[in-house]
N, C-alpha and C. Protein backbone atom coordinates (compact mmCIF):
# COMPACT_ATOMS: atom_id res chain seq x y z
N MET A 1 0.84 -1.18 0.00
CA MET A 1 0.00 0.00 0.00
C MET A 1 0.89 1.25 0.00
N ALA A 2 0.51 2.21 -0.80
CA ALA A 2 1.28 3.45 -0.91
C ALA A 2 1.11 4.30 0.35
N GLU A 3 2.19 4.99 0.70
CA GLU A 3 2.15 5.90 1.83
C GLU A 3 1.40 7.17 1.42
N LYS A 4 0.51 7.65 2.28
CA LYS A 4 -0.23 8.88 2.00
C LYS A 4 0.54 10.05 2.61
N LEU A 5 0.92 11.00 1.77
CA LEU A 5 1.67 12.17 2.21
C LEU A 5 0.75 13.39 2.21
N SER A 6 1.01 14.33 3.10
CA SER A 6 0.24 15.57 3.15
C SER A 6 1.10 16.70 2.62
N ALA A 7 0.47 17.64 1.92
CA ALA A 7 1.19 18.78 1.36
C ALA A 7 0.26 19.99 1.33
N HIS A 8 0.84 21.17 1.19
CA HIS A 8 0.04 22.38 1.08
C HIS A 8 0.86 23.45 0.38
N CYS A 9 0.17 24.48 -0.05
CA CYS A 9 0.84 25.62 -0.67
C CYS A 9 1.53 26.45 0.42
N HIS A 10 2.18 27.52 0.05
CA HIS A 10 2.92 28.35 1.00
C HIS A 10 2.02 28.99 2.05
N CYS A 11 0.88 29.52 1.62
CA CYS A 11 0.00 30.23 2.56
C CYS A 11 -0.95 29.30 3.31
N GLY A 12 -1.05 28.06 2.88
CA GLY A 12 -1.92 27.10 3.55
C GLY A 12 -3.36 27.10 3.08
N ALA A 13 -3.70 27.94 2.12
CA ALA A 13 -5.08 27.98 1.62
C ALA A 13 -5.46 26.69 0.92
N VAL A 14 -4.50 26.04 0.26
CA VAL A 14 -4.73 24.77 -0.44
C VAL A 14 -3.94 23.68 0.27
N ALA A 15 -4.62 22.62 0.64
CA ALA A 15 -3.96 21.46 1.25
C ALA A 15 -4.46 20.21 0.53
N PHE A 16 -3.58 19.23 0.38
CA PHE A 16 -3.96 18.00 -0.29
C PHE A 16 -3.15 16.83 0.24
N THR A 17 -3.66 15.63 0.00
CA THR A 17 -2.91 14.42 0.29
C THR A 17 -2.59 13.76 -1.04
N VAL A 18 -1.52 13.01 -1.06
CA VAL A 18 -1.09 12.34 -2.29
C VAL A 18 -0.53 10.97 -1.95
N GLU A 19 -0.89 9.99 -2.77
CA GLU A 19 -0.31 8.66 -2.70
C GLU A 19 0.54 8.48 -3.95
N LEU A 20 1.84 8.38 -3.76
CA LEU A 20 2.76 8.25 -4.89
C LEU A 20 2.69 6.84 -5.47
N SER A 21 2.77 6.73 -6.80
CA SER A 21 2.67 5.45 -7.48
C SER A 21 3.73 4.47 -7.02
N ASP A 22 4.96 4.95 -6.88
CA ASP A 22 6.08 4.09 -6.48
C ASP A 22 7.02 4.88 -5.58
N GLY A 23 6.45 5.53 -4.59
CA GLY A 23 7.26 6.34 -3.69
C GLY A 23 8.04 7.40 -4.46
N PHE A 24 9.24 7.66 -4.02
CA PHE A 24 10.07 8.64 -4.70
C PHE A 24 10.93 8.00 -5.79
N ASN A 25 10.64 6.74 -6.14
CA ASN A 25 11.36 6.07 -7.22
C ASN A 25 10.95 6.59 -8.59
N THR A 26 9.87 7.36 -8.67
CA THR A 26 9.40 7.88 -9.95
C THR A 26 9.90 9.30 -10.23
N VAL A 27 10.81 9.81 -9.41
CA VAL A 27 11.31 11.18 -9.61
C VAL A 27 11.86 11.33 -11.02
N ARG A 28 11.45 12.39 -11.71
CA ARG A 28 11.90 12.63 -13.08
C ARG A 28 11.89 14.13 -13.36
N ARG A 29 12.58 14.50 -14.40
CA ARG A 29 12.54 15.88 -14.89
C ARG A 29 11.63 15.93 -16.10
N CYS A 30 10.72 16.85 -16.09
CA CYS A 30 9.85 17.07 -17.25
C CYS A 30 10.63 17.93 -18.23
N ASN A 31 10.43 17.71 -19.53
CA ASN A 31 11.16 18.50 -20.51
C ASN A 31 10.31 19.58 -21.17
N CYS A 32 9.14 19.87 -20.63
CA CYS A 32 8.34 20.95 -21.22
C CYS A 32 8.98 22.30 -20.88
N SER A 33 8.66 23.30 -21.66
CA SER A 33 9.30 24.61 -21.48
C SER A 33 9.01 25.20 -20.10
N TYR A 34 7.82 24.98 -19.57
CA TYR A 34 7.47 25.53 -18.26
C TYR A 34 8.33 24.90 -17.16
N CYS A 35 8.39 23.58 -17.13
CA CYS A 35 9.16 22.89 -16.09
C CYS A 35 10.66 23.13 -16.23
N ARG A 36 11.14 23.22 -17.46
CA ARG A 36 12.57 23.52 -17.65
C ARG A 36 12.91 24.88 -17.08
N MET A 37 12.05 25.88 -17.27
CA MET A 37 12.33 27.23 -16.77
C MET A 37 12.34 27.29 -15.24
N ARG A 38 11.56 26.45 -14.59
CA ARG A 38 11.52 26.51 -13.13
C ARG A 38 12.34 25.40 -12.49
N GLY A 39 13.05 24.60 -13.30
CA GLY A 39 13.93 23.56 -12.77
C GLY A 39 13.19 22.50 -11.99
N ALA A 40 12.01 22.17 -12.42
CA ALA A 40 11.14 21.27 -11.66
C ALA A 40 11.52 19.80 -11.80
N VAL A 41 11.27 19.08 -10.74
CA VAL A 41 11.26 17.62 -10.77
C VAL A 41 9.87 17.20 -10.31
N ALA A 42 9.44 16.02 -10.73
CA ALA A 42 8.10 15.56 -10.38
C ALA A 42 8.14 14.09 -10.01
N VAL A 43 7.15 13.67 -9.27
CA VAL A 43 6.91 12.26 -8.97
C VAL A 43 5.50 11.94 -9.45
N SER A 44 5.17 10.66 -9.57
CA SER A 44 3.88 10.27 -10.14
C SER A 44 2.90 9.78 -9.10
N SER A 45 1.65 10.06 -9.38
CA SER A 45 0.53 9.58 -8.58
C SER A 45 -0.62 9.32 -9.54
N PRO A 46 -1.41 8.28 -9.29
CA PRO A 46 -2.62 8.16 -10.09
C PRO A 46 -3.54 9.33 -9.75
N ARG A 47 -4.37 9.70 -10.69
CA ARG A 47 -5.29 10.83 -10.46
C ARG A 47 -6.11 10.60 -9.18
N SER A 48 -6.50 9.37 -8.95
CA SER A 48 -7.29 9.04 -7.76
C SER A 48 -6.46 9.13 -6.48
N GLY A 49 -5.14 9.26 -6.61
CA GLY A 49 -4.25 9.33 -5.45
C GLY A 49 -4.08 10.73 -4.88
N ILE A 50 -4.66 11.74 -5.52
CA ILE A 50 -4.58 13.11 -5.00
C ILE A 50 -5.96 13.53 -4.52
N GLU A 51 -6.01 13.99 -3.29
CA GLU A 51 -7.26 14.46 -2.72
C GLU A 51 -7.04 15.86 -2.14
N VAL A 52 -7.76 16.83 -2.67
CA VAL A 52 -7.69 18.19 -2.14
C VAL A 52 -8.56 18.20 -0.88
N VAL A 53 -7.95 18.49 0.26
CA VAL A 53 -8.67 18.47 1.54
C VAL A 53 -9.07 19.87 2.02
N ARG A 54 -8.48 20.88 1.42
CA ARG A 54 -8.83 22.26 1.77
C ARG A 54 -8.49 23.16 0.59
N GLY A 55 -9.38 24.08 0.27
CA GLY A 55 -9.10 25.12 -0.70
C GLY A 55 -9.25 24.75 -2.16
N GLY A 56 -10.06 23.77 -2.46
CA GLY A 56 -10.29 23.42 -3.86
C GLY A 56 -10.75 24.62 -4.68
N ASP A 57 -11.50 25.50 -4.04
CA ASP A 57 -11.98 26.71 -4.71
C ASP A 57 -10.87 27.74 -4.92
N LYS A 58 -9.73 27.53 -4.27
CA LYS A 58 -8.58 28.44 -4.42
C LYS A 58 -7.61 27.98 -5.51
N LEU A 59 -7.83 26.78 -6.06
CA LEU A 59 -6.95 26.28 -7.11
C LEU A 59 -7.29 26.96 -8.43
N THR A 60 -6.28 27.35 -9.15
CA THR A 60 -6.45 27.89 -10.49
C THR A 60 -5.55 27.09 -11.41
N GLU A 61 -5.91 27.01 -12.67
CA GLU A 61 -5.12 26.20 -13.59
C GLU A 61 -4.47 27.02 -14.68
N TYR A 62 -3.38 26.47 -15.18
CA TYR A 62 -2.65 27.09 -16.28
C TYR A 62 -2.38 26.02 -17.33
N ARG A 63 -2.73 26.33 -18.57
CA ARG A 63 -2.46 25.45 -19.72
C ARG A 63 -1.73 26.26 -20.76
N PHE A 64 -0.88 25.61 -21.52
CA PHE A 64 -0.18 26.29 -22.61
C PHE A 64 0.06 25.31 -23.74
N ASN A 65 0.56 25.80 -24.85
CA ASN A 65 0.88 25.01 -26.04
C ASN A 65 -0.31 24.16 -26.44
N THR A 66 -0.25 22.84 -26.30
CA THR A 66 -1.35 21.98 -26.73
C THR A 66 -2.53 22.00 -25.76
N GLY A 67 -2.32 22.49 -24.55
CA GLY A 67 -3.37 22.53 -23.55
C GLY A 67 -3.65 21.18 -22.90
N GLU A 68 -2.85 20.18 -23.22
CA GLU A 68 -3.07 18.84 -22.68
C GLU A 68 -2.71 18.73 -21.20
N ALA A 69 -1.60 19.32 -20.79
CA ALA A 69 -1.20 19.29 -19.38
C ALA A 69 -1.93 20.40 -18.64
N VAL A 70 -2.35 20.11 -17.42
CA VAL A 70 -3.03 21.10 -16.60
C VAL A 70 -2.21 21.31 -15.34
N HIS A 71 -1.68 22.52 -15.16
CA HIS A 71 -0.87 22.87 -13.99
C HIS A 71 -1.76 23.62 -13.01
N PHE A 72 -1.77 23.19 -11.75
CA PHE A 72 -2.62 23.78 -10.73
C PHE A 72 -1.80 24.62 -9.76
N PHE A 73 -2.33 25.80 -9.41
CA PHE A 73 -1.67 26.76 -8.53
C PHE A 73 -2.64 27.26 -7.49
N CYS A 74 -2.11 27.70 -6.35
CA CYS A 74 -2.92 28.39 -5.35
C CYS A 74 -3.16 29.81 -5.87
N SER A 75 -4.40 30.24 -5.92
CA SER A 75 -4.71 31.59 -6.41
C SER A 75 -4.38 32.67 -5.38
N VAL A 76 -4.08 32.28 -4.15
CA VAL A 76 -3.74 33.24 -3.11
C VAL A 76 -2.25 33.54 -3.11
N CYS A 77 -1.40 32.50 -2.99
CA CYS A 77 0.05 32.73 -2.90
C CYS A 77 0.80 32.41 -4.19
N GLY A 78 0.14 31.80 -5.16
CA GLY A 78 0.76 31.53 -6.46
C GLY A 78 1.62 30.28 -6.53
N ILE A 79 1.66 29.49 -5.47
CA ILE A 79 2.51 28.30 -5.45
C ILE A 79 1.91 27.20 -6.31
N TYR A 80 2.79 26.57 -7.11
CA TYR A 80 2.44 25.41 -7.92
C TYR A 80 2.21 24.22 -6.99
N THR A 81 1.10 23.52 -7.17
CA THR A 81 0.78 22.40 -6.29
C THR A 81 0.99 21.05 -6.97
N PHE A 82 0.38 20.84 -8.13
CA PHE A 82 0.51 19.58 -8.85
C PHE A 82 0.01 19.78 -10.28
N HIS A 83 0.16 18.76 -11.12
CA HIS A 83 -0.31 18.87 -12.50
C HIS A 83 -0.86 17.54 -12.99
N GLN A 84 -1.72 17.63 -13.99
CA GLN A 84 -2.20 16.46 -14.71
C GLN A 84 -1.29 16.32 -15.91
N ARG A 85 -0.67 15.16 -16.07
CA ARG A 85 0.32 14.98 -17.13
C ARG A 85 -0.30 15.05 -18.52
N ARG A 86 0.46 15.56 -19.47
CA ARG A 86 -0.03 15.66 -20.84
C ARG A 86 -0.03 14.30 -21.52
N SER A 87 0.91 13.43 -21.17
CA SER A 87 1.03 12.13 -21.83
C SER A 87 0.03 11.10 -21.31
N THR A 88 -0.35 11.23 -20.05
CA THR A 88 -1.26 10.28 -19.43
C THR A 88 -2.20 11.05 -18.51
N HIS A 89 -3.42 11.29 -18.97
CA HIS A 89 -4.35 12.10 -18.18
C HIS A 89 -4.77 11.45 -16.88
N SER A 90 -4.53 10.15 -16.75
CA SER A 90 -4.88 9.46 -15.50
C SER A 90 -3.76 9.54 -14.48
N SER A 91 -2.67 10.22 -14.85
CA SER A 91 -1.51 10.33 -13.96
C SER A 91 -1.27 11.79 -13.60
N MET A 92 -0.94 12.01 -12.34
CA MET A 92 -0.65 13.35 -11.85
C MET A 92 0.82 13.44 -11.46
N GLY A 93 1.31 14.65 -11.35
CA GLY A 93 2.71 14.84 -10.95
C GLY A 93 2.82 16.01 -10.00
């Protein structure tokens, strides 16, 4: 069974839990222009493995290029929380 981790944005308006697909063994670098500019690394979770426990109404999304990937941010503090992958819509990062 996957370990359930808790996370939140900087201001705490958005909080969520996440179950990683294979722990931190899935750490990878995304090669999209957005992630390259911010030096991001990501881990994988099934879409059903992320549960927003506070502030779902504070999440805002950003899409670019093909619009396939959906990046979610806290609308209060601007912190990136997670994304829906462009290659596999059933997988989050």
